[in-house]
Amino acid sequence: MNWSILTGGRLMPVPGARRLRSAMASVAVLLAFGGASVGAQNSPGTPGAPARASTNGNANAAGAVQPDVARTWDETVLSFGGSVAQVLPCRDVMMKFAFPTEVAEARVSGGERVKTGDVLVRARDADVVAAIEQQRLIAGSDLEIQGARVQQELANFRFEQLKIGKVFTPEDFERAKADAMTTKVQLDQAILNLASQQSRLKQLEGQFERYSLNAPFDGIIEQVMVDEGKGVSETTDVLRLVNTEQLWLDAYPPTDDTLRLNLDKGSQAWVLVNLPAKPALVKGRVLYVSPAADYVGQTRRVRVEIDNPKDWPAGLQGCVRFTPPSQEWMDNLIEGGRDGTDGSQMRSSADVDADGAVGAVESTDVIGAGTVKVSGAETASLVGDQTR
């Protein structure tokens, strides 16, 4: 680059141009060395590089994170192998009123345990209560039927007396006959009116049920979002009710794994739950397998259920796999099955009989972030044990 200017028809050098060129060259060298240093820090295998899942490595080989030395959840998932999933309550409902109203009473608060049918929040209902009382009086009265029945009996008596006396004109006969028929119709109409009023009472009572929010199942109040006197609409959240007696996890294993393992309702699953002290291993069961797989990701949603005798909260991190983990993990199995199974009662992959030709799982292929696929000659026997 020529650092000069045109002055009076001649090119004159700019003072300090050589120093400027030297400074720019130094900056370029520094930038080049800085980029090389950043690339070295982020390259796999260098100290300080973030841990990455190997697509062909052995998740349980030497150097893999073991249950007693895992420091982060990502490392634990990589060691355990499986599909990462959020821990969800088995029942979860956000309750609202179906019409605009005013909150008259909130009988519960966050953290309270409730039973099915308990009244949780009540809307202002003085007008509908008065209407129900009025309608109950009408629907419970048969005075109209009694009057119509007396009129019918009188009309029938006169008609019969007219026929017995045999002294009447044709007009008298037709009039008495019409009176008897009319009173019969009036009695039927009175009976129909009473049934209609009773139906109207049931309708008002059904509407009255909407003026209170009742617990649809046993559970715990997670949060109450309204106070007494607050006006709400049909889109306003009033309270949230959850049940955590069982916990659900929606895992997304590869589609080919769900087919190879023949996953179905009742299949076994092993769930790792991330707890502060150390992860807990619990045996679970498959509730259902989605009939539609994700075409792009080639995954399939599998809902797994575990019992929750220790009252773990929903929202924890979990990891699900559908083949028995290594013995190091099985030693940490805690009681969590509905059948009361624990680590001493469960078989590991090394305990299967010789006729199944199953040894300990030798290698695992890591797929994506935290999903492993068992490989080797043991696969067929593991499938049989999984689906029994």
Protein backbone atom coordinates (compact mmCIF):
# COMPACT_ATOMS: atom_id res chain seq x y z
CA MET A 1 0.00 0.00 0.00
CA ASN A 2 1.38 3.41 -0.99
CA TRP A 3 0.91 5.85 1.87
CA SER A 4 1.36 9.12 -0.07
CA ILE A 5 -0.67 12.06 -1.26
CA LEU A 6 -0.68 14.08 -4.44
CA THR A 7 0.58 17.64 -3.83
CA GLY A 8 1.34 20.11 -6.59
CA GLY A 9 1.46 17.36 -9.18
CA ARG A 10 3.96 15.29 -7.16
CA LEU A 11 3.52 12.34 -4.81
CA MET A 12 4.66 13.26 -1.30
CA PRO A 13 5.11 10.66 1.46
CA VAL A 14 2.85 10.98 4.50
CA PRO A 15 4.75 11.45 7.76
CA GLY A 16 4.59 8.35 10.00
CA ALA A 17 3.29 6.04 7.22
CA ARG A 18 5.99 3.47 7.91
CA ARG A 19 5.14 3.35 11.61
CA LEU A 20 1.44 2.98 10.78
CA ARG A 21 2.15 0.02 8.49
CA SER A 22 4.23 -1.65 11.21
CA ALA A 23 1.48 -1.20 13.82
CA MET A 24 -1.19 -2.71 11.55
CA ALA A 25 1.03 -5.73 10.85
CA SER A 26 1.44 -6.29 14.60
CA VAL A 27 -2.35 -6.19 15.15
CA ALA A 28 -2.85 -8.76 12.39
CA VAL A 29 -0.31 -11.13 14.02
CA LEU A 30 -2.01 -10.80 17.41
CA LEU A 31 -5.44 -11.55 15.93
CA ALA A 32 -4.09 -14.63 14.16
CA PHE A 33 -2.52 -16.04 17.34
CA GLY A 34 -5.65 -15.25 19.37
CA GLY A 35 -7.93 -17.19 16.95
CA ALA A 36 -5.58 -20.18 17.05
CA SER A 37 -5.63 -20.14 20.86
CA VAL A 38 -9.46 -20.06 21.00
CA GLY A 39 -9.69 -22.94 18.55
CA ALA A 40 -7.28 -24.99 20.65
CA GLN A 41 -9.30 -24.38 23.80
CA ASN A 42 -12.56 -25.52 22.19
CA SER A 43 -11.11 -28.54 20.37
CA PRO A 44 -12.03 -31.99 21.79
CA GLY A 45 -9.42 -33.58 23.96
CA THR A 46 -7.86 -30.40 25.27
CA PRO A 47 -8.05 -29.28 28.90
CA GLY A 48 -10.95 -26.92 29.41
CA ALA A 49 -12.86 -28.19 26.38
CA PRO A 50 -16.55 -28.90 27.13
CA ALA A 51 -17.50 -32.57 27.49
CA ARG A 52 -19.15 -33.96 24.36
CA ALA A 53 -20.93 -37.26 23.76
CA SER A 54 -18.95 -39.62 21.56
CA THR A 55 -21.01 -41.23 18.84
CA ASN A 56 -18.93 -44.41 18.78
CA GLY A 57 -17.35 -44.52 22.22
CA ASN A 58 -18.08 -46.78 25.15
CA ALA A 59 -20.24 -44.98 27.73
CA ASN A 60 -19.17 -47.42 30.48
CA ALA A 61 -15.51 -47.70 29.43
CA ALA A 62 -12.57 -46.47 31.47
CA GLY A 63 -12.78 -42.73 31.95
CA ALA A 64 -16.60 -42.65 31.86
CA VAL A 65 -18.32 -40.97 34.80
CA GLN A 66 -19.44 -43.45 37.44
CA PRO A 67 -22.40 -42.94 39.83
CA ASP A 68 -20.23 -42.14 42.83
CA VAL A 69 -17.99 -39.61 41.10
CA ALA A 70 -20.37 -37.83 38.72
CA ARG A 71 -20.09 -34.09 39.22
CA THR A 72 -22.66 -32.72 36.80
CA TRP A 73 -26.02 -33.93 35.54
CA ASP A 74 -24.76 -33.99 31.94
CA GLU A 75 -21.90 -36.28 32.93
CA THR A 76 -24.30 -38.48 34.87
CA VAL A 77 -26.64 -38.80 31.90
CA LEU A 78 -23.72 -39.68 29.66
CA SER A 79 -22.66 -42.42 32.06
CA PHE A 80 -26.17 -43.77 32.67
CA GLY A 81 -27.34 -43.66 29.05
CA GLY A 82 -30.93 -43.04 28.09
CA SER A 83 -33.36 -40.31 27.15
CA VAL A 84 -33.50 -37.11 29.19
CA ALA A 85 -37.03 -36.29 30.39
CA GLN A 86 -38.73 -33.88 32.76
CA VAL A 87 -40.46 -35.35 35.82
CA LEU A 88 -44.18 -34.50 35.67
CA PRO A 89 -47.12 -35.03 38.06
CA CYS A 90 -49.48 -37.84 37.09
CA ARG A 91 -52.48 -35.50 37.39
CA ASP A 92 -52.23 -31.78 36.73
CA VAL A 93 -55.14 -29.40 36.13
CA MET A 94 -55.49 -25.62 35.96
CA MET A 95 -59.01 -24.84 37.14
CA LYS A 96 -61.14 -21.90 35.94
CA PHE A 97 -64.73 -20.70 36.10
CA ALA A 98 -66.71 -21.24 32.92
CA PHE A 99 -68.29 -17.76 33.02
CA PRO A 100 -67.47 -14.25 34.30
CA THR A 101 -68.12 -14.04 38.03
CA GLU A 102 -66.85 -12.76 41.35
CA VAL A 103 -64.93 -14.90 43.83
CA ALA A 104 -66.93 -15.17 47.04
CA GLU A 105 -64.77 -17.61 49.01
CA ALA A 106 -61.41 -19.35 48.63
CA ARG A 107 -61.47 -22.29 51.00
CA VAL A 108 -57.96 -23.60 50.30
CA SER A 109 -54.44 -22.30 49.96
CA GLY A 110 -51.23 -23.55 48.42
CA GLY A 111 -49.85 -26.80 49.81
CA GLU A 112 -53.14 -28.17 51.19
CA ARG A 113 -54.14 -31.75 50.45
CA VAL A 114 -57.70 -32.20 49.22
CA LYS A 115 -60.01 -35.11 48.44
CA THR A 116 -62.20 -35.69 45.42
CA GLY A 117 -65.32 -33.52 45.60
CA ASP A 118 -64.00 -30.99 48.12
CA VAL A 119 -65.12 -27.40 47.44
CA LEU A 120 -62.03 -25.34 46.68
CA VAL A 121 -63.28 -21.92 45.50
CA ARG A 122 -66.87 -20.61 45.46
CA ALA A 123 -68.29 -17.82 43.29
CA ARG A 124 -70.97 -15.34 44.37
CA ASP A 125 -74.18 -17.33 43.96
CA ALA A 126 -76.97 -15.59 45.94
CA ASP A 127 -79.13 -15.08 42.84
CA VAL A 128 -78.92 -18.66 41.61
CA VAL A 129 -79.53 -20.01 45.12
CA ALA A 130 -82.78 -17.99 45.34
CA ALA A 131 -83.84 -19.19 41.90
CA ILE A 132 -83.25 -22.80 42.91
CA GLU A 133 -85.33 -22.45 46.06
CA GLN A 134 -88.18 -20.95 44.09
CA GLN A 135 -88.01 -23.64 41.46
CA ARG A 136 -87.85 -26.37 44.09
CA LEU A 137 -91.19 -25.17 45.51
CA ILE A 138 -92.79 -25.21 42.07
CA ALA A 139 -91.36 -28.58 41.12
CA GLY A 140 -92.45 -30.13 44.41
CA SER A 141 -96.11 -29.07 44.16
CA ASP A 142 -98.76 -31.27 42.48
CA LEU A 143 -101.71 -28.94 43.15
CA GLU A 144 -102.33 -28.43 39.45
CA ILE A 145 -102.55 -32.18 38.94
CA GLN A 146 -104.96 -32.58 41.83
CA GLY A 147 -107.29 -29.87 40.46
CA ALA A 148 -107.24 -31.36 36.95
CA ARG A 149 -108.00 -34.81 38.30
CA VAL A 150 -111.04 -33.53 40.25
CA GLN A 151 -112.33 -31.75 37.14
CA GLN A 152 -111.94 -34.93 35.13
CA GLU A 153 -113.83 -37.00 37.70
CA LEU A 154 -116.70 -34.49 37.75
CA ALA A 155 -116.94 -34.37 33.95
CA ASN A 156 -116.94 -38.17 33.75
CA PHE A 157 -119.67 -38.40 36.41
CA ARG A 158 -121.95 -35.96 34.57
CA PHE A 159 -121.44 -37.78 31.30
CA GLU A 160 -122.30 -41.13 32.86
CA GLN A 161 -125.42 -39.73 34.58
CA LEU A 162 -126.56 -38.28 31.30
CA LYS A 163 -126.28 -41.63 29.60
CA ILE A 164 -128.08 -43.43 32.44
CA GLY A 165 -131.04 -41.03 32.47
CA LYS A 166 -131.50 -41.32 28.71
CA VAL A 167 -133.16 -37.94 28.71
CA PHE A 168 -130.94 -35.56 26.75
CA THR A 169 -130.73 -33.79 23.48
CA PRO A 170 -127.93 -34.54 21.04
CA GLU A 171 -126.35 -31.22 21.95
CA ASP A 172 -126.29 -32.09 25.68
CA PHE A 173 -124.71 -35.44 24.91
CA GLU A 174 -121.93 -33.98 22.79
CA ARG A 175 -121.22 -31.22 25.30
CA ALA A 176 -120.88 -33.72 28.19
CA LYS A 177 -118.68 -35.97 26.07
CA ALA A 178 -116.41 -33.03 25.13
CA ASP A 179 -116.11 -31.96 28.79
CA ALA A 180 -114.96 -35.44 29.79
CA MET A 181 -112.34 -35.52 27.03
CA THR A 182 -111.15 -31.98 27.77
CA THR A 183 -110.60 -32.65 31.46
CA LYS A 184 -108.56 -35.73 30.57
CA VAL A 185 -106.30 -33.62 28.35
CA GLN A 186 -105.99 -31.01 31.10
CA LEU A 187 -104.87 -33.71 33.55
CA ASP A 188 -102.24 -34.96 31.13
CA GLN A 189 -101.04 -31.39 30.61
CA ALA A 190 -100.77 -30.84 34.38
CA ILE A 191 -98.62 -33.98 34.69
CA LEU A 192 -96.42 -32.76 31.82
CA ASN A 193 -96.07 -29.31 33.43
CA LEU A 194 -94.86 -30.86 36.68
CA ALA A 195 -92.27 -32.94 34.86
CA SER A 196 -91.11 -29.81 33.03
CA GLN A 197 -90.72 -27.88 36.29
CA GLN A 198 -88.71 -30.73 37.77
CA SER A 199 -86.42 -30.71 34.73
CA ARG A 200 -86.02 -26.96 35.13
CA LEU A 201 -84.95 -27.56 38.74
CA LYS A 202 -82.28 -30.03 37.62
CA GLN A 203 -81.06 -27.46 35.09
CA LEU A 204 -80.67 -24.79 37.76
CA GLU A 205 -78.93 -27.22 40.09
CA GLY A 206 -76.54 -28.09 37.26
CA GLN A 207 -75.80 -24.42 36.71
CA PHE A 208 -75.24 -24.00 40.44
CA GLU A 209 -72.47 -26.61 40.31
CA ARG A 210 -70.52 -24.28 38.05
CA TYR A 211 -70.50 -21.65 40.80
CA SER A 212 -67.97 -23.69 42.78
CA LEU A 213 -64.72 -25.39 41.81
CA ASN A 214 -64.59 -28.89 43.29
CA ALA A 215 -61.55 -31.14 43.37
CA PRO A 216 -61.77 -33.62 40.46
CA PHE A 217 -59.23 -35.94 42.12
CA ASP A 218 -57.18 -36.35 45.30
CA GLY A 219 -54.18 -34.07 45.23
CA ILE A 220 -52.31 -31.04 46.51
CA ILE A 221 -53.11 -27.40 45.83
CA GLU A 222 -50.08 -26.04 44.01
CA GLN A 223 -51.23 -22.41 43.88
CA VAL A 224 -54.34 -20.26 44.32
CA MET A 225 -54.23 -17.26 41.96
CA VAL A 226 -57.28 -15.29 43.21
CA ASP A 227 -58.51 -13.62 46.38
CA GLU A 228 -62.02 -13.15 47.70
CA GLY A 229 -63.87 -10.37 45.93
CA LYS A 230 -61.82 -10.54 42.75
CA GLY A 231 -63.71 -10.53 39.47
CA VAL A 232 -62.64 -13.23 37.04
CA SER A 233 -63.49 -14.19 33.47
CA GLU A 234 -63.68 -17.56 31.82
CA THR A 235 -60.00 -17.24 30.82
CA THR A 236 -58.68 -16.37 34.30
CA ASP A 237 -56.64 -19.09 36.05
CA VAL A 238 -58.07 -19.64 39.53
CA LEU A 239 -55.99 -22.47 41.01
CA ARG A 240 -53.72 -25.37 40.08
CA LEU A 241 -54.22 -28.87 41.50
CA VAL A 242 -51.65 -31.66 41.10
CA ASN A 243 -51.26 -35.28 42.16
CA THR A 244 -47.72 -36.60 42.66
CA GLU A 245 -48.47 -40.03 44.11
CA GLN A 246 -47.05 -41.24 40.80
CA LEU A 247 -44.71 -39.28 38.56
CA TRP A 248 -44.68 -39.33 34.76
CA LEU A 249 -41.80 -38.85 32.36
CA ASP A 250 -42.15 -38.36 28.62
CA ALA A 251 -39.01 -39.82 27.06
CA TYR A 252 -38.12 -39.58 23.37
CA PRO A 253 -35.94 -42.58 22.51
CA PRO A 254 -34.97 -43.33 18.91
CA THR A 255 -37.77 -44.93 16.93
CA ASP A 256 -35.67 -47.95 15.96
CA ASP A 257 -34.97 -48.64 19.66
CA THR A 258 -38.68 -48.71 20.49
CA LEU A 259 -39.25 -51.19 17.69
CA ARG A 260 -36.21 -53.32 18.47
CA LEU A 261 -37.11 -53.53 22.17
CA ASN A 262 -40.82 -54.03 21.32
CA LEU A 263 -41.84 -51.37 23.86
CA ASP A 264 -45.49 -51.49 24.86
CA LYS A 265 -47.72 -50.81 27.85
CA GLY A 266 -46.29 -52.55 30.90
CA SER A 267 -42.70 -52.76 29.62
CA GLN A 268 -39.99 -52.16 32.19
CA ALA A 269 -38.05 -48.92 32.45
CA TRP A 270 -35.24 -47.63 34.63
CA VAL A 271 -35.49 -43.99 35.67
CA LEU A 272 -32.67 -41.88 37.07
CA VAL A 273 -33.90 -38.86 39.05
CA ASN A 274 -31.53 -35.96 39.71
CA LEU A 275 -31.49 -35.26 43.47
CA PRO A 276 -29.22 -32.88 45.44
CA ALA A 277 -27.21 -35.58 47.25
CA LYS A 278 -26.87 -38.00 44.35
CA PRO A 279 -29.11 -39.30 41.57
CA ALA A 280 -31.66 -41.95 42.56
CA LEU A 281 -32.41 -44.98 40.37
CA VAL A 282 -36.03 -46.16 40.35
CA LYS A 283 -37.72 -48.93 38.41
CA GLY A 284 -40.72 -47.74 36.37
CA ARG A 285 -43.19 -49.00 33.81
CA VAL A 286 -44.31 -47.87 30.38
CA LEU A 287 -47.82 -46.42 30.28
CA TYR A 288 -48.03 -46.14 26.51
CA VAL A 289 -45.96 -45.64 23.40
CA SER A 290 -46.99 -42.98 20.92
CA PRO A 291 -48.41 -44.47 17.72
CA ALA A 292 -46.83 -41.63 15.69
CA ALA A 293 -43.06 -41.13 15.50
CA ASP A 294 -41.35 -37.83 14.74
CA TYR A 295 -40.25 -38.03 11.10
CA VAL A 296 -37.51 -35.40 11.34
CA GLY A 297 -35.87 -36.49 14.58
CA GLN A 298 -36.79 -40.18 14.24
CA THR A 299 -37.85 -40.30 17.89
CA ARG A 300 -40.97 -41.61 19.56
CA ARG A 301 -42.66 -40.41 22.73
CA VAL A 302 -42.83 -43.02 25.48
CA ARG A 303 -44.63 -42.16 28.74
CA VAL A 304 -43.14 -43.82 31.81
CA GLU A 305 -44.62 -43.90 35.32
CA ILE A 306 -42.84 -44.34 38.66
CA ASP A 307 -44.24 -44.50 42.17
CA ASN A 308 -43.38 -41.63 44.49
CA PRO A 309 -43.39 -42.83 48.11
CA LYS A 310 -40.81 -40.18 49.09
CA ASP A 311 -42.95 -37.28 47.82
CA TRP A 312 -40.45 -35.99 45.30
CA PRO A 313 -41.68 -32.80 43.64
CA ALA A 314 -42.55 -32.65 39.98
CA GLY A 315 -40.21 -30.67 37.78
CA LEU A 316 -37.02 -32.60 38.60
CA GLN A 317 -34.63 -33.75 35.90
CA GLY A 318 -34.87 -37.38 34.88
CA CYS A 319 -33.32 -39.86 32.49
CA VAL A 320 -35.06 -42.99 31.20
CA ARG A 321 -33.67 -46.15 29.67
CA PHE A 322 -35.45 -49.38 28.74
CA THR A 323 -32.67 -51.94 29.26
CA PRO A 324 -31.03 -52.74 32.60
CA PRO A 325 -28.13 -50.40 33.39
CA SER A 326 -24.71 -51.56 34.52
CA GLN A 327 -24.22 -53.20 37.91
CA GLU A 328 -22.74 -50.00 39.35
CA TRP A 329 -26.08 -48.30 38.74
CA MET A 330 -28.15 -51.29 39.87
CA ASP A 331 -26.39 -51.16 43.25
CA ASN A 332 -27.96 -47.71 43.74
CA LEU A 333 -31.50 -48.85 42.98
CA ILE A 334 -33.95 -47.69 45.64
CA GLU A 335 -37.42 -48.98 46.44
CA GLY A 336 -39.81 -47.26 44.07
CA GLY A 337 -41.82 -49.93 42.31
CA ARG A 338 -45.46 -50.60 42.99
CA ASP A 339 -44.52 -54.22 43.66
CA GLY A 340 -41.98 -53.17 46.31
CA THR A 341 -38.92 -54.22 44.33
CA ASP A 342 -35.54 -53.00 45.44
CA GLY A 343 -31.95 -53.54 44.42
CA SER A 344 -31.67 -56.94 46.11
CA GLN A 345 -34.71 -58.30 44.29
CA MET A 346 -33.95 -57.06 40.79
CA ARG A 347 -31.86 -58.82 38.20
CA SER A 348 -29.07 -57.09 36.38
CA SER A 349 -28.01 -57.99 32.88
CA ALA A 350 -25.29 -60.26 34.33
CA ASP A 351 -27.80 -62.42 36.26
CA VAL A 352 -29.75 -63.80 33.31
CA ASP A 353 -29.59 -67.58 32.85
CA ALA A 354 -27.21 -69.21 30.43
CA ASP A 355 -30.03 -70.21 28.10
CA GLY A 356 -30.54 -66.51 27.38
CA ALA A 357 -26.84 -66.15 26.52
CA VAL A 358 -26.76 -62.75 28.19
CA GLY A 359 -23.70 -61.32 29.88
CA ALA A 360 -23.10 -57.89 31.22
CA VAL A 361 -23.64 -55.16 28.68
CA GLU A 362 -20.25 -54.67 27.06
CA SER A 363 -20.69 -51.55 25.00
CA THR A 364 -23.09 -48.77 24.35
CA ASP A 365 -23.37 -46.39 21.46
CA VAL A 366 -24.13 -42.83 22.48
CA ILE A 367 -26.83 -41.25 20.33
CA GLY A 368 -27.26 -37.52 20.60
CA ALA A 369 -27.28 -35.90 24.02
CA GLY A 370 -27.80 -38.59 26.62
CA THR A 371 -29.44 -41.42 24.62
CA VAL A 372 -27.62 -44.74 24.32
CA LYS A 373 -28.35 -47.82 22.27
CA VAL A 374 -27.23 -51.22 23.52
CA SER A 375 -25.21 -53.13 20.96
CA GLY A 376 -23.70 -56.60 20.75
CA ALA A 377 -24.92 -60.19 20.81
CA GLU A 378 -26.85 -59.63 24.04
CA THR A 379 -29.52 -57.46 22.40
CA ALA A 380 -31.99 -60.21 21.51
CA SER A 381 -32.01 -61.67 25.03
CA LEU A 382 -32.36 -58.23 26.60
CA VAL A 383 -35.42 -57.67 24.44
CA GLY A 384 -36.98 -60.84 25.77
CA ASP A 385 -36.30 -59.88 29.37
CA GLN A 386 -37.64 -56.36 28.74
CA THR A 387 -41.01 -57.52 27.42
CA ARG A 388 -41.78 -60.30 29.89
